[in-house]
């Protein structure tokens, strides 16, 4: 059986030759707490990201239903207009 003693940051357990005591410092305890919180946040963010990706995958259209976009501009029939090049000034 292991007994944590939070007041003195010690962990005591029964060993083959008596009680084993593991000590720590307040700095190490704080660093461990911060590391545990960061790990928990990373796991939570990963789970949330996975659920968002699944939702997006369910909403996305099938590959065969994607609209085809033409890269060429076509003027309407009977129109004499030409496309305006907005980047010509720059």
PDB file of N, CA and C in Angstrom:
ATOM      1  N   UNK A   1       0.841  -1.171   0.000  1.00  0.00           N
ATOM      2  CA  UNK A   1       0.000   0.000   0.000  1.00  0.00           C
ATOM      3  C   UNK A   1       0.891   1.240   0.000  1.00  0.00           C
ATOM      4  N   UNK A   2       0.473   2.253  -0.760  1.00  0.00           N
ATOM      5  CA  UNK A   2       1.215   3.509  -0.863  1.00  0.00           C
ATOM      6  C   UNK A   2       0.402   4.599  -0.187  1.00  0.00           C
ATOM      7  N   UNK A   3       1.081   5.438   0.602  1.00  0.00           N
ATOM      8  CA  UNK A   3       0.412   6.533   1.300  1.00  0.00           C
ATOM      9  C   UNK A   3       1.062   7.847   0.861  1.00  0.00           C
ATOM     10  N   UNK A   4       0.312   8.710   0.135  1.00  0.00           N
ATOM     11  CA  UNK A   4       0.877  10.022  -0.206  1.00  0.00           C
ATOM     12  C   UNK A   4       0.665  10.997   0.947  1.00  0.00           C
ATOM     13  N   UNK A   5       1.687  11.749   1.283  1.00  0.00           N
ATOM     14  CA  UNK A   5       1.604  12.765   2.330  1.00  0.00           C
ATOM     15  C   UNK A   5       1.836  14.101   1.633  1.00  0.00           C
ATOM     16  N   UNK A   6       0.732  14.784   1.310  1.00  0.00           N
ATOM     17  CA  UNK A   6       0.792  15.996   0.498  1.00  0.00           C
ATOM     18  C   UNK A   6       1.436  17.160   1.227  1.00  0.00           C
ATOM     19  N   UNK A   7       1.316  17.203   2.532  1.00  0.00           N
ATOM     20  CA  UNK A   7       1.882  18.312   3.298  1.00  0.00           C
ATOM     21  C   UNK A   7       3.393  18.392   3.133  1.00  0.00           C
ATOM     22  N   UNK A   8       4.060  17.247   3.162  1.00  0.00           N
ATOM     23  CA  UNK A   8       5.518  17.221   3.081  1.00  0.00           C
ATOM     24  C   UNK A   8       6.012  16.742   1.713  1.00  0.00           C
ATOM     25  N   UNK A   9       5.100  16.537   0.762  1.00  0.00           N
ATOM     26  CA  UNK A   9       5.437  16.043  -0.573  1.00  0.00           C
ATOM     27  C   UNK A   9       6.268  14.768  -0.491  1.00  0.00           C
ATOM     28  N   UNK A  10       5.744  13.804   0.248  1.00  0.00           N
ATOM     29  CA  UNK A  10       6.426  12.519   0.404  1.00  0.00           C
ATOM     30  C   UNK A  10       5.484  11.396   0.029  1.00  0.00           C
ATOM     31  N   UNK A  11       6.070  10.319  -0.457  1.00  0.00           N
ATOM     32  CA  UNK A  11       5.320   9.116  -0.803  1.00  0.00           C
ATOM     33  C   UNK A  11       5.959   7.978  -0.025  1.00  0.00           C
ATOM     34  N   UNK A  12       5.162   7.316   0.797  1.00  0.00           N
ATOM     35  CA  UNK A  12       5.700   6.232   1.625  1.00  0.00           C
ATOM     36  C   UNK A  12       5.053   4.917   1.223  1.00  0.00           C
ATOM     37  N   UNK A  13       5.891   3.879   1.098  1.00  0.00           N
ATOM     38  CA  UNK A  13       5.391   2.551   0.757  1.00  0.00           C
ATOM     39  C   UNK A  13       6.234   1.493   1.454  1.00  0.00           C
ATOM     40  N   UNK A  14       5.651   0.324   1.609  1.00  0.00           N
ATOM     41  CA  UNK A  14       6.336  -0.781   2.273  1.00  0.00           C
ATOM     42  C   UNK A  14       7.329  -1.394   1.288  1.00  0.00           C
ATOM     43  N   UNK A  15       8.555  -1.580   1.765  1.00  0.00           N
ATOM     44  CA  UNK A  15       9.582  -2.203   0.954  1.00  0.00           C
ATOM     45  C   UNK A  15      10.093  -3.470   1.603  1.00  0.00           C
ATOM     46  N   UNK A  16      11.027  -4.169   0.956  1.00  0.00           N
ATOM     47  CA  UNK A  16      11.536  -5.425   1.504  1.00  0.00           C
ATOM     48  C   UNK A  16      12.311  -5.246   2.815  1.00  0.00           C
ATOM     49  N   UNK A  17      12.883  -4.052   3.041  1.00  0.00           N
ATOM     50  CA  UNK A  17      13.666  -3.817   4.261  1.00  0.00           C
ATOM     51  C   UNK A  17      13.072  -2.700   5.107  1.00  0.00           C
ATOM     52  N   UNK A  18      11.788  -2.436   4.961  1.00  0.00           N
ATOM     53  CA  UNK A  18      11.152  -1.384   5.756  1.00  0.00           C
ATOM     54  C   UNK A  18      10.387  -0.414   4.865  1.00  0.00           C
ATOM     55  N   UNK A  19      10.165   0.787   5.385  1.00  0.00           N
ATOM     56  CA  UNK A  19       9.388   1.800   4.671  1.00  0.00           C
ATOM     57  C   UNK A  19      10.285   2.531   3.677  1.00  0.00           C
ATOM     58  N   UNK A  20       9.796   2.648   2.437  1.00  0.00           N
ATOM     59  CA  UNK A  20      10.503   3.418   1.396  1.00  0.00           C
ATOM     60  C   UNK A  20       9.830   4.778   1.325  1.00  0.00           C
ATOM     61  N   UNK A  21      10.633   5.849   1.422  1.00  0.00           N
ATOM     62  CA  UNK A  21      10.117   7.208   1.363  1.00  0.00           C
ATOM     63  C   UNK A  21      10.690   7.898   0.142  1.00  0.00           C
ATOM     64  N   UNK A  22       9.818   8.421  -0.681  1.00  0.00           N
ATOM     65  CA  UNK A  22      10.233   9.170  -1.875  1.00  0.00           C
ATOM     66  C   UNK A  22       9.873  10.622  -1.634  1.00  0.00           C
ATOM     67  N   UNK A  23      10.861  11.504  -1.712  1.00  0.00           N
ATOM     68  CA  UNK A  23      10.649  12.933  -1.454  1.00  0.00           C
ATOM     69  C   UNK A  23      10.677  13.722  -2.752  1.00  0.00           C
ATOM     70  N   UNK A  24      10.138  14.946  -2.697  1.00  0.00           N
ATOM     71  CA  UNK A  24      10.135  15.836  -3.845  1.00  0.00           C
ATOM     72  C   UNK A  24      10.231  17.263  -3.346  1.00  0.00           C
ATOM     73  N   UNK A  25      10.206  18.207  -4.280  1.00  0.00           N
ATOM     74  CA  UNK A  25      10.243  19.620  -3.915  1.00  0.00           C
ATOM     75  C   UNK A  25       8.962  20.283  -4.437  1.00  0.00           C
ATOM     76  N   UNK A  26       8.684  21.480  -3.944  1.00  0.00           N
ATOM     77  CA  UNK A  26       7.508  22.206  -4.401  1.00  0.00           C
ATOM     78  C   UNK A  26       7.637  22.567  -5.879  1.00  0.00           C
ATOM     79  N   UNK A  27       8.860  22.884  -6.321  1.00  0.00           N
ATOM     80  CA  UNK A  27       9.079  23.207  -7.735  1.00  0.00           C
ATOM     81  C   UNK A  27       8.746  22.006  -8.623  1.00  0.00           C
ATOM     82  N   UNK A  28       9.217  20.833  -8.229  1.00  0.00           N
ATOM     83  CA  UNK A  28       8.956  19.630  -9.014  1.00  0.00           C
ATOM     84  C   UNK A  28       7.466  19.301  -9.003  1.00  0.00           C
ATOM     85  N   UNK A  29       6.799  19.484  -7.867  1.00  0.00           N
ATOM     86  CA  UNK A  29       5.365  19.223  -7.791  1.00  0.00           C
ATOM     87  C   UNK A  29       4.596  20.174  -8.695  1.00  0.00           C
ATOM     88  N   UNK A  30       4.994  21.457  -8.721  1.00  0.00           N
ATOM     89  CA  UNK A  30       4.337  22.437  -9.581  1.00  0.00           C
ATOM     90  C   UNK A  30       4.550  22.096 -11.054  1.00  0.00           C
ATOM     91  N   UNK A  31       5.787  21.751 -11.420  1.00  0.00           N
ATOM     92  CA  UNK A  31       6.089  21.381 -12.808  1.00  0.00           C
ATOM     93  C   UNK A  31       5.280  20.154 -13.236  1.00  0.00           C
ATOM     94  N   UNK A  32       5.129  19.199 -12.347  1.00  0.00           N
ATOM     95  CA  UNK A  32       4.347  18.001 -12.664  1.00  0.00           C
ATOM     96  C   UNK A  32       2.875  18.342 -12.859  1.00  0.00           C
ATOM     97  N   UNK A  33       2.344  19.238 -12.004  1.00  0.00           N
ATOM     98  CA  UNK A  33       0.954  19.661 -12.167  1.00  0.00           C
ATOM     99  C   UNK A  33       0.737  20.371 -13.500  1.00  0.00           C
ATOM    100  N   UNK A  34       1.653  21.270 -13.854  1.00  0.00           N
ATOM    101  CA  UNK A  34       1.544  21.990 -15.121  1.00  0.00           C
ATOM    102  C   UNK A  34       1.602  21.013 -16.294  1.00  0.00           C
ATOM    103  N   UNK A  35       2.507  20.062 -16.225  1.00  0.00           N
ATOM    104  CA  UNK A  35       2.636  19.065 -17.287  1.00  0.00           C
ATOM    105  C   UNK A  35       1.359  18.233 -17.424  1.00  0.00           C
ATOM    106  N   UNK A  36       0.761  17.854 -16.308  1.00  0.00           N
ATOM    107  CA  UNK A  36      -0.482  17.075 -16.345  1.00  0.00           C
ATOM    108  C   UNK A  36      -1.625  17.883 -16.952  1.00  0.00           C
ATOM    109  N   UNK A  37      -1.714  19.164 -16.615  1.00  0.00           N
ATOM    110  CA  UNK A  37      -2.763  20.018 -17.170  1.00  0.00           C
ATOM    111  C   UNK A  37      -2.570  20.189 -18.672  1.00  0.00           C
ATOM    112  N   UNK A  38      -1.333  20.421 -19.108  1.00  0.00           N
ATOM    113  CA  UNK A  38      -1.059  20.572 -20.538  1.00  0.00           C
ATOM    114  C   UNK A  38      -1.389  19.292 -21.300  1.00  0.00           C
ATOM    115  N   UNK A  39      -1.071  18.152 -20.714  1.00  0.00           N
ATOM    116  CA  UNK A  39      -1.382  16.868 -21.349  1.00  0.00           C
ATOM    117  C   UNK A  39      -2.895  16.686 -21.467  1.00  0.00           C
ATOM    118  N   UNK A  40      -3.620  17.010 -20.398  1.00  0.00           N
ATOM    119  CA  UNK A  40      -5.074  16.904 -20.420  1.00  0.00           C
ATOM    120  C   UNK A  40      -5.698  17.808 -21.469  1.00  0.00           C
ATOM    121  N   UNK A  41      -5.185  19.044 -21.591  1.00  0.00           N
ATOM    122  CA  UNK A  41      -5.695  19.965 -22.611  1.00  0.00           C
ATOM    123  C   UNK A  41      -5.412  19.432 -24.010  1.00  0.00           C
ATOM    124  N   UNK A  42      -4.236  18.862 -24.214  1.00  0.00           N
ATOM    125  CA  UNK A  42      -3.890  18.311 -25.524  1.00  0.00           C
ATOM    126  C   UNK A  42      -4.815  17.153 -25.895  1.00  0.00           C
ATOM    127  N   UNK A  43      -5.107  16.290 -24.927  1.00  0.00           N
ATOM    128  CA  UNK A  43      -6.011  15.162 -25.191  1.00  0.00           C
ATOM    129  C   UNK A  43      -7.412  15.682 -25.498  1.00  0.00           C
ATOM    130  N   UNK A  44      -7.880  16.658 -24.730  1.00  0.00           N
ATOM    131  CA  UNK A  44      -9.211  17.229 -24.960  1.00  0.00           C
ATOM    132  C   UNK A  44      -9.296  17.886 -26.336  1.00  0.00           C
ATOM    133  N   UNK A  45      -8.264  18.645 -26.715  1.00  0.00           N
ATOM    134  CA  UNK A  45      -8.252  19.291 -28.022  1.00  0.00           C
ATOM    135  C   UNK A  45      -8.222  18.258 -29.143  1.00  0.00           C
ATOM    136  N   UNK A  46      -7.509  17.165 -28.958  1.00  0.00           N
ATOM    137  CA  UNK A  46      -7.442  16.118 -29.969  1.00  0.00           C
ATOM    138  C   UNK A  46      -8.807  15.476 -30.163  1.00  0.00           C
ATOM    139  N   UNK A  47      -9.509  15.207 -29.073  1.00  0.00           N
ATOM    140  CA  UNK A  47     -10.835  14.601 -29.155  1.00  0.00           C
ATOM    141  C   UNK A  47     -11.808  15.563 -29.839  1.00  0.00           C
ATOM    142  N   UNK A  48     -11.740  16.847 -29.483  1.00  0.00           N
ATOM    143  CA  UNK A  48     -12.620  17.847 -30.091  1.00  0.00           C
ATOM    144  C   UNK A  48     -12.332  17.987 -31.581  1.00  0.00           C
ATOM    145  N   UNK A  49     -11.047  18.006 -31.953  1.00  0.00           N
ATOM    146  CA  UNK A  49     -10.675  18.107 -33.360  1.00  0.00           C
ATOM    147  C   UNK A  49     -11.165  16.901 -34.145  1.00  0.00           C
ATOM    148  N   UNK A  50     -11.044  15.718 -33.572  1.00  0.00           N
ATOM    149  CA  UNK A  50     -11.501  14.512 -34.252  1.00  0.00           C
ATOM    150  C   UNK A  50     -13.009  14.556 -34.486  1.00  0.00           C
ATOM    151  N   UNK A  51     -13.764  15.035 -33.500  1.00  0.00           N
ATOM    152  CA  UNK A  51     -15.221  15.108 -33.678  1.00  0.00           C
ATOM    153  C   UNK A  51     -15.586  16.146 -34.727  1.00  0.00           C
ATOM    154  N   UNK A  52     -14.848  17.267 -34.771  1.00  0.00           N
ATOM    155  CA  UNK A  52     -15.114  18.283 -35.802  1.00  0.00           C
ATOM    156  C   UNK A  52     -14.811  17.741 -37.196  1.00  0.00           C
ATOM    157  N   UNK A  53     -13.713  17.010 -37.332  1.00  0.00           N
ATOM    158  CA  UNK A  53     -13.364  16.434 -38.627  1.00  0.00           C
ATOM    159  C   UNK A  53     -14.408  15.419 -39.081  1.00  0.00           C
ATOM    160  N   UNK A  54     -14.919  14.621 -38.156  1.00  0.00           N
ATOM    161  CA  UNK A  54     -15.971  13.669 -38.508  1.00  0.00           C
ATOM    162  C   UNK A  54     -17.226  14.391 -38.963  1.00  0.00           C
ATOM    163  N   UNK A  55     -17.573  15.494 -38.295  1.00  0.00           N
ATOM    164  CA  UNK A  55     -18.753  16.263 -38.682  1.00  0.00           C
ATOM    165  C   UNK A  55     -18.574  16.875 -40.068  1.00  0.00           C
ATOM    166  N   UNK A  56     -17.382  17.394 -40.343  1.00  0.00           N
ATOM    167  CA  UNK A  56     -17.114  17.970 -41.660  1.00  0.00           C
ATOM    168  C   UNK A  56     -17.141  16.899 -42.739  1.00  0.00           C
ATOM    169  N   UNK A  57     -16.614  15.740 -42.444  1.00  0.00           N
ATOM    170  CA  UNK A  57     -16.615  14.653 -43.421  1.00  0.00           C
ATOM    171  C   UNK A  57     -18.041  14.213 -43.729  1.00  0.00           C
ATOM    172  N   UNK A  58     -18.912  14.259 -42.743  1.00  0.00           N
ATOM    173  CA  UNK A  58     -20.305  13.873 -42.968  1.00  0.00           C
ATOM    174  C   UNK A  58     -21.043  14.914 -43.802  1.00  0.00           C
ATOM    175  N   UNK A  59     -20.642  16.181 -43.704  1.00  0.00           N
ATOM    176  CA  UNK A  59     -21.292  17.253 -44.448  1.00  0.00           C
ATOM    177  C   UNK A  59     -20.765  17.395 -45.871  1.00  0.00           C
ATOM    178  N   UNK A  60     -19.566  16.937 -46.149  1.00  0.00           N
ATOM    179  CA  UNK A  60     -18.961  17.164 -47.458  1.00  0.00           C
ATOM    180  C   UNK A  60     -19.705  16.392 -48.536  1.00  0.00           C
ATOM    181  N   UNK A  61     -19.803  16.983 -49.740  1.00  0.00           N
ATOM    182  CA  UNK A  61     -20.505  16.305 -50.830  1.00  0.00           C
ATOM    183  C   UNK A  61     -19.693  15.132 -51.367  1.00  0.00           C
ATOM    184  N   UNK A  62     -20.376  14.278 -52.073  1.00  0.00           N
ATOM    185  CA  UNK A  62     -19.701  13.147 -52.705  1.00  0.00           C
ATOM    186  C   UNK A  62     -18.780  13.665 -53.797  1.00  0.00           C
ATOM    187  N   UNK A  63     -17.679  12.982 -54.085  1.00  0.00           N
ATOM    188  CA  UNK A  63     -16.730  13.461 -55.096  1.00  0.00           C
ATOM    189  C   UNK A  63     -17.359  13.636 -56.481  1.00  0.00           C
ATOM    190  N   UNK A  64     -18.348  12.833 -56.857  1.00  0.00           N
ATOM    191  CA  UNK A  64     -18.940  12.929 -58.186  1.00  0.00           C
ATOM    192  C   UNK A  64     -19.936  14.072 -58.304  1.00  0.00           C
ATOM    193  N   UNK A  65     -20.348  14.671 -57.191  1.00  0.00           N
ATOM    194  CA  UNK A  65     -21.329  15.750 -57.233  1.00  0.00           C
ATOM    195  C   UNK A  65     -20.698  17.125 -57.144  1.00  0.00           C
ATOM    196  N   UNK A  66     -19.395  17.204 -57.167  1.00  0.00           N
ATOM    197  CA  UNK A  66     -18.716  18.492 -57.088  1.00  0.00           C
ATOM    198  C   UNK A  66     -18.939  19.266 -58.380  1.00  0.00           C
ATOM    199  N   UNK A  67     -19.263  20.572 -58.311  1.00  0.00           N
ATOM    200  CA  UNK A  67     -19.458  21.346 -59.534  1.00  0.00           C
ATOM    201  C   UNK A  67     -18.127  21.564 -60.257  1.00  0.00           C
ATOM    202  N   UNK A  68     -18.196  21.611 -61.564  1.00  0.00           N
ATOM    203  CA  UNK A  68     -17.006  21.851 -62.376  1.00  0.00           C
ATOM    204  C   UNK A  68     -16.894  23.345 -62.594  1.00  0.00           C
ATOM    205  N   UNK A  69     -15.746  23.903 -62.269  1.00  0.00           N
ATOM    206  CA  UNK A  69     -15.519  25.330 -62.415  1.00  0.00           C
ATOM    207  C   UNK A  69     -14.623  25.549 -63.616  1.00  0.00           C
ATOM    208  N   UNK A  70     -15.074  26.382 -64.528  1.00  0.00           N
ATOM    209  CA  UNK A  70     -14.300  26.662 -65.733  1.00  0.00           C
ATOM    210  C   UNK A  70     -13.264  27.722 -65.422  1.00  0.00           C
ATOM    211  N   UNK A  71     -12.081  27.555 -65.942  1.00  0.00           N
ATOM    212  CA  UNK A  71     -11.027  28.535 -65.710  1.00  0.00           C
ATOM    213  C   UNK A  71     -11.058  29.635 -66.770  1.00  0.00           C
ATOM    214  N   UNK A  72     -11.869  29.484 -67.803  1.00  0.00           N
ATOM    215  CA  UNK A  72     -11.950  30.477 -68.869  1.00  0.00           C
ATOM    216  C   UNK A  72     -13.209  31.310 -68.682  1.00  0.00           C
ATOM    217  N   UNK A  73     -13.076  32.601 -68.904  1.00  0.00           N
ATOM    218  CA  UNK A  73     -14.214  33.509 -68.813  1.00  0.00           C
ATOM    219  C   UNK A  73     -14.923  33.532 -70.143  1.00  0.00           C
ATOM    220  N   UNK A  74     -16.243  33.443 -70.097  1.00  0.00           N
ATOM    221  CA  UNK A  74     -17.029  33.492 -71.322  1.00  0.00           C
ATOM    222  C   UNK A  74     -18.006  34.655 -71.225  1.00  0.00           C
ATOM    223  N   UNK A  75     -18.040  35.483 -72.250  1.00  0.00           N
ATOM    224  CA  UNK A  75     -18.980  36.598 -72.305  1.00  0.00           C
ATOM    225  C   UNK A  75     -20.353  36.063 -72.670  1.00  0.00           C
ATOM    226  N   UNK A  76     -21.393  36.692 -72.155  1.00  0.00           N
ATOM    227  CA  UNK A  76     -22.735  36.279 -72.543  1.00  0.00           C
ATOM    228  C   UNK A  76     -22.946  36.446 -74.043  1.00  0.00           C
ATOM    229  N   UNK A  77     -23.851  35.661 -74.619  1.00  0.00           N
ATOM    230  CA  UNK A  77     -24.112  35.737 -76.061  1.00  0.00           C
ATOM    231  C   UNK A  77     -24.627  37.112 -76.436  1.00  0.00           C
ATOM    232  N   UNK A  78     -24.128  37.633 -77.534  1.00  0.00           N
ATOM    233  CA  UNK A  78     -24.567  38.936 -78.020  1.00  0.00           C
ATOM    234  C   UNK A  78     -23.929  40.091 -77.272  1.00  0.00           C
ATOM    235  N   UNK A  79     -23.017  39.827 -76.369  1.00  0.00           N
ATOM    236  CA  UNK A  79     -22.382  40.888 -75.590  1.00  0.00           C
ATOM    237  C   UNK A  79     -21.034  41.226 -76.206  1.00  0.00           C
ATOM    238  N   UNK A  80     -20.710  42.493 -76.238  1.00  0.00           N
ATOM    239  CA  UNK A  80     -19.425  42.941 -76.773  1.00  0.00           C
ATOM    240  C   UNK A  80     -18.441  43.263 -75.644  1.00  0.00           C
ATOM    241  N   UNK A  81     -18.834  43.030 -74.410  1.00  0.00           N
ATOM    242  CA  UNK A  81     -17.979  43.397 -73.280  1.00  0.00           C
ATOM    243  C   UNK A  81     -16.828  42.410 -73.128  1.00  0.00           C
ATOM    244  N   UNK A  82     -15.783  42.870 -72.518  1.00  0.00           N
ATOM    245  CA  UNK A  82     -14.616  42.044 -72.233  1.00  0.00           C
ATOM    246  C   UNK A  82     -14.399  42.068 -70.730  1.00  0.00           C
ATOM    247  N   UNK A  83     -13.742  41.082 -70.211  1.00  0.00           N
ATOM    248  CA  UNK A  83     -13.510  41.090 -68.763  1.00  0.00           C
ATOM    249  C   UNK A  83     -12.582  42.233 -68.362  1.00  0.00           C
ATOM    250  N   UNK A  84     -12.812  42.768 -67.182  1.00  0.00           N
ATOM    251  CA  UNK A  84     -11.998  43.865 -66.671  1.00  0.00           C
ATOM    252  C   UNK A  84     -10.858  43.269 -65.866  1.00  0.00           C
ATOM    253  N   UNK A  85      -9.668  43.716 -66.173  1.00  0.00           N
ATOM    254  CA  UNK A  85      -8.496  43.252 -65.427  1.00  0.00           C
ATOM    255  C   UNK A  85      -8.270  44.224 -64.275  1.00  0.00           C
ATOM    256  N   UNK A  86      -8.675  43.848 -63.076  1.00  0.00           N
ATOM    257  CA  UNK A  86      -8.557  44.739 -61.918  1.00  0.00           C
ATOM    258  C   UNK A  86      -7.119  44.890 -61.455  1.00  0.00           C
ATOM    259  N   UNK A  87      -6.282  43.959 -61.797  1.00  0.00           N
ATOM    260  CA  UNK A  87      -4.890  44.012 -61.347  1.00  0.00           C
ATOM    261  C   UNK A  87      -4.002  44.791 -62.319  1.00  0.00           C
ATOM    262  N   UNK A  88      -4.548  45.322 -63.395  1.00  0.00           N
ATOM    263  CA  UNK A  88      -3.753  46.018 -64.393  1.00  0.00           C
ATOM    264  C   UNK A  88      -3.118  47.286 -63.829  1.00  0.00           C
ATOM    265  N   UNK A  89      -3.750  47.895 -62.854  1.00  0.00           N
ATOM    266  CA  UNK A  89      -3.190  49.138 -62.290  1.00  0.00           C
ATOM    267  C   UNK A  89      -1.982  48.873 -61.398  1.00  0.00           C
ATOM    268  N   UNK A  90      -1.818  47.682 -60.930  1.00  0.00           N
ATOM    269  CA  UNK A  90      -0.780  47.422 -59.929  1.00  0.00           C
ATOM    270  C   UNK A  90       0.443  46.835 -60.518  1.00  0.00           C
TER     271      UNK A  90
END
